[in-house]
Amino acid sequence: MKTRIFTNWRTSLLGVAFLLISLLLVVQKIIAWGEFMAFLPTIFGLLYVKDTIFKVNPKE
């Protein structure tokens, strides 16, 4: 799992950013814990997905 997180660092960084932002929103009581728990599968999904959506095709 560590190798997948570090080799696909772009989506992992996005997942960690979403996690920190959503935790900040919970602490500030902007969103409830239920909404945070509903968003949590998306965050964990970003930690496991490959960086295929961020690859740029070179111009031919």
N, C-alpha and C. Protein backbone atom coordinates (compact mmCIF):
# COMPACT_ATOMS: atom_id res chain seq x y z
N MET A 1 0.83 -1.18 0.00
CA MET A 1 0.00 0.00 0.00
C MET A 1 0.88 1.25 0.00
N LYS A 2 1.98 1.23 0.73
CA LYS A 2 2.86 2.40 0.77
C LYS A 2 3.41 2.72 -0.61
N THR A 3 3.77 1.69 -1.37
CA THR A 3 4.32 1.95 -2.70
C THR A 3 3.26 2.55 -3.61
N ARG A 4 2.04 2.09 -3.48
CA ARG A 4 0.97 2.64 -4.32
C ARG A 4 0.70 4.10 -3.98
N ILE A 5 0.74 4.44 -2.71
CA ILE A 5 0.49 5.82 -2.30
C ILE A 5 1.60 6.74 -2.79
N PHE A 6 2.86 6.27 -2.68
CA PHE A 6 3.97 7.14 -3.06
C PHE A 6 4.20 7.18 -4.57
N THR A 7 3.90 6.10 -5.29
CA THR A 7 4.07 6.15 -6.74
C THR A 7 2.96 6.95 -7.41
N ASN A 8 1.78 6.94 -6.84
CA ASN A 8 0.65 7.72 -7.37
C ASN A 8 0.42 8.91 -6.45
N TRP A 9 1.40 9.77 -6.35
CA TRP A 9 1.39 10.82 -5.35
C TRP A 9 0.37 11.92 -5.65
N ARG A 10 -0.02 12.09 -6.89
CA ARG A 10 -0.95 13.18 -7.21
C ARG A 10 -2.34 12.92 -6.62
N THR A 11 -2.87 11.73 -6.84
CA THR A 11 -4.19 11.43 -6.29
C THR A 11 -4.12 11.26 -4.78
N SER A 12 -3.00 10.76 -4.27
CA SER A 12 -2.84 10.64 -2.82
C SER A 12 -2.82 12.01 -2.18
N LEU A 13 -2.14 12.95 -2.80
CA LEU A 13 -2.09 14.32 -2.28
C LEU A 13 -3.48 14.95 -2.31
N LEU A 14 -4.22 14.70 -3.37
CA LEU A 14 -5.59 15.22 -3.46
C LEU A 14 -6.47 14.61 -2.38
N GLY A 15 -6.33 13.31 -2.13
CA GLY A 15 -7.10 12.65 -1.08
C GLY A 15 -6.78 13.19 0.30
N VAL A 16 -5.50 13.41 0.58
CA VAL A 16 -5.09 13.96 1.87
C VAL A 16 -5.60 15.40 2.02
N ALA A 17 -5.55 16.16 0.94
CA ALA A 17 -6.06 17.53 0.99
C ALA A 17 -7.56 17.54 1.28
N PHE A 18 -8.31 16.67 0.62
CA PHE A 18 -9.75 16.58 0.89
C PHE A 18 -10.01 16.15 2.33
N LEU A 19 -9.20 15.24 2.85
CA LEU A 19 -9.36 14.79 4.23
C LEU A 19 -9.13 15.93 5.21
N LEU A 20 -8.07 16.69 5.01
CA LEU A 20 -7.78 17.80 5.91
C LEU A 20 -8.84 18.90 5.82
N ILE A 21 -9.29 19.19 4.62
CA ILE A 21 -10.33 20.22 4.45
C ILE A 21 -11.64 19.78 5.10
N SER A 22 -12.02 18.52 4.90
CA SER A 22 -13.27 18.06 5.49
C SER A 22 -13.18 17.98 7.01
N LEU A 23 -12.00 17.60 7.55
CA LEU A 23 -11.85 17.61 9.00
C LEU A 23 -11.91 19.03 9.55
N LEU A 24 -11.35 19.98 8.83
CA LEU A 24 -11.43 21.37 9.25
C LEU A 24 -12.88 21.86 9.25
N LEU A 25 -13.64 21.45 8.26
CA LEU A 25 -15.06 21.85 8.20
C LEU A 25 -15.86 21.23 9.33
N VAL A 26 -15.49 20.01 9.74
CA VAL A 26 -16.18 19.37 10.87
C VAL A 26 -15.84 20.09 12.17
N VAL A 27 -14.57 20.44 12.34
CA VAL A 27 -14.15 21.13 13.57
C VAL A 27 -14.83 22.50 13.68
N GLN A 28 -14.97 23.18 12.55
CA GLN A 28 -15.62 24.49 12.55
C GLN A 28 -17.14 24.38 12.56
N LYS A 29 -17.66 23.16 12.57
CA LYS A 29 -19.09 22.87 12.61
C LYS A 29 -19.84 23.43 11.41
N ILE A 30 -19.18 23.42 10.26
CA ILE A 30 -19.84 23.80 9.01
C ILE A 30 -20.56 22.59 8.43
N ILE A 31 -19.95 21.42 8.58
CA ILE A 31 -20.61 20.18 8.18
C ILE A 31 -20.69 19.27 9.41
N ALA A 32 -21.59 18.31 9.36
CA ALA A 32 -21.77 17.37 10.47
C ALA A 32 -20.94 16.12 10.22
N TRP A 33 -20.82 15.30 11.26
CA TRP A 33 -20.04 14.06 11.14
C TRP A 33 -20.65 13.12 10.12
N GLY A 34 -21.95 13.14 9.98
CA GLY A 34 -22.61 12.29 8.98
C GLY A 34 -22.21 12.65 7.57
N GLU A 35 -22.11 13.92 7.30
CA GLU A 35 -21.66 14.36 5.98
C GLU A 35 -20.20 14.01 5.75
N PHE A 36 -19.40 14.11 6.79
CA PHE A 36 -18.00 13.72 6.70
C PHE A 36 -17.88 12.23 6.40
N MET A 37 -18.67 11.42 7.07
CA MET A 37 -18.63 9.97 6.85
C MET A 37 -19.12 9.61 5.44
N ALA A 38 -20.02 10.40 4.89
CA ALA A 38 -20.48 10.15 3.53
C ALA A 38 -19.40 10.48 2.50
N PHE A 39 -18.52 11.42 2.81
CA PHE A 39 -17.45 11.82 1.91
C PHE A 39 -16.20 10.96 2.07
N LEU A 40 -16.10 10.23 3.16
CA LEU A 40 -14.91 9.43 3.47
C LEU A 40 -14.59 8.35 2.43
N PRO A 41 -15.56 7.63 1.86
CA PRO A 41 -15.20 6.65 0.81
C PRO A 41 -14.54 7.29 -0.41
N THR A 42 -14.93 8.51 -0.74
CA THR A 42 -14.28 9.21 -1.85
C THR A 42 -12.82 9.51 -1.52
N ILE A 43 -12.57 9.92 -0.30
CA ILE A 43 -11.21 10.22 0.13
C ILE A 43 -10.35 8.97 0.10
N PHE A 44 -10.85 7.87 0.64
CA PHE A 44 -10.07 6.63 0.63
C PHE A 44 -9.92 6.09 -0.79
N GLY A 45 -10.91 6.32 -1.64
CA GLY A 45 -10.80 5.92 -3.03
C GLY A 45 -9.69 6.66 -3.75
N LEU A 46 -9.51 7.93 -3.43
CA LEU A 46 -8.43 8.69 -4.04
C LEU A 46 -7.06 8.21 -3.59
N LEU A 47 -6.97 7.64 -2.41
CA LEU A 47 -5.70 7.11 -1.94
C LEU A 47 -5.30 5.85 -2.70
N TYR A 48 -6.27 5.09 -3.21
CA TYR A 48 -5.99 3.82 -3.87
C TYR A 48 -5.96 3.90 -5.39
N VAL A 49 -6.52 4.94 -5.98
CA VAL A 49 -6.62 5.00 -7.44
C VAL A 49 -5.28 5.38 -8.05
N LYS A 50 -5.08 4.98 -9.29
CA LYS A 50 -3.85 5.34 -10.00
C LYS A 50 -3.97 6.74 -10.56
N ASP A 51 -2.84 7.31 -10.96
CA ASP A 51 -2.79 8.68 -11.47
C ASP A 51 -3.16 8.78 -12.95
N THR A 52 -3.98 7.93 -13.46
CA THR A 52 -4.30 7.96 -14.89
C THR A 52 -5.06 9.20 -15.30
N ILE A 53 -5.81 9.81 -14.39
CA ILE A 53 -6.58 10.99 -14.75
C ILE A 53 -5.71 12.24 -14.80
N PHE A 54 -4.49 12.19 -14.27
CA PHE A 54 -3.62 13.35 -14.26
C PHE A 54 -2.52 13.29 -15.31
N LYS A 55 -2.43 12.21 -16.07
CA LYS A 55 -1.38 12.11 -17.07
C LYS A 55 -1.71 12.98 -18.27
N VAL A 56 -0.73 13.68 -18.75
CA VAL A 56 -0.88 14.56 -19.90
C VAL A 56 -0.26 13.89 -21.09
N ASN A 57 -1.01 13.78 -22.17
CA ASN A 57 -0.48 13.20 -23.39
C ASN A 57 0.40 14.22 -24.10
N PRO A 58 1.61 13.84 -24.48
CA PRO A 58 2.47 14.81 -25.19
C PRO A 58 1.91 15.11 -26.58
N LYS A 59 2.15 16.31 -27.03
CA LYS A 59 1.67 16.68 -28.36
C LYS A 59 2.49 15.98 -29.42
N GLU A 60 1.81 15.52 -30.43
CA GLU A 60 2.49 14.79 -31.51
C GLU A 60 2.82 15.69 -32.65
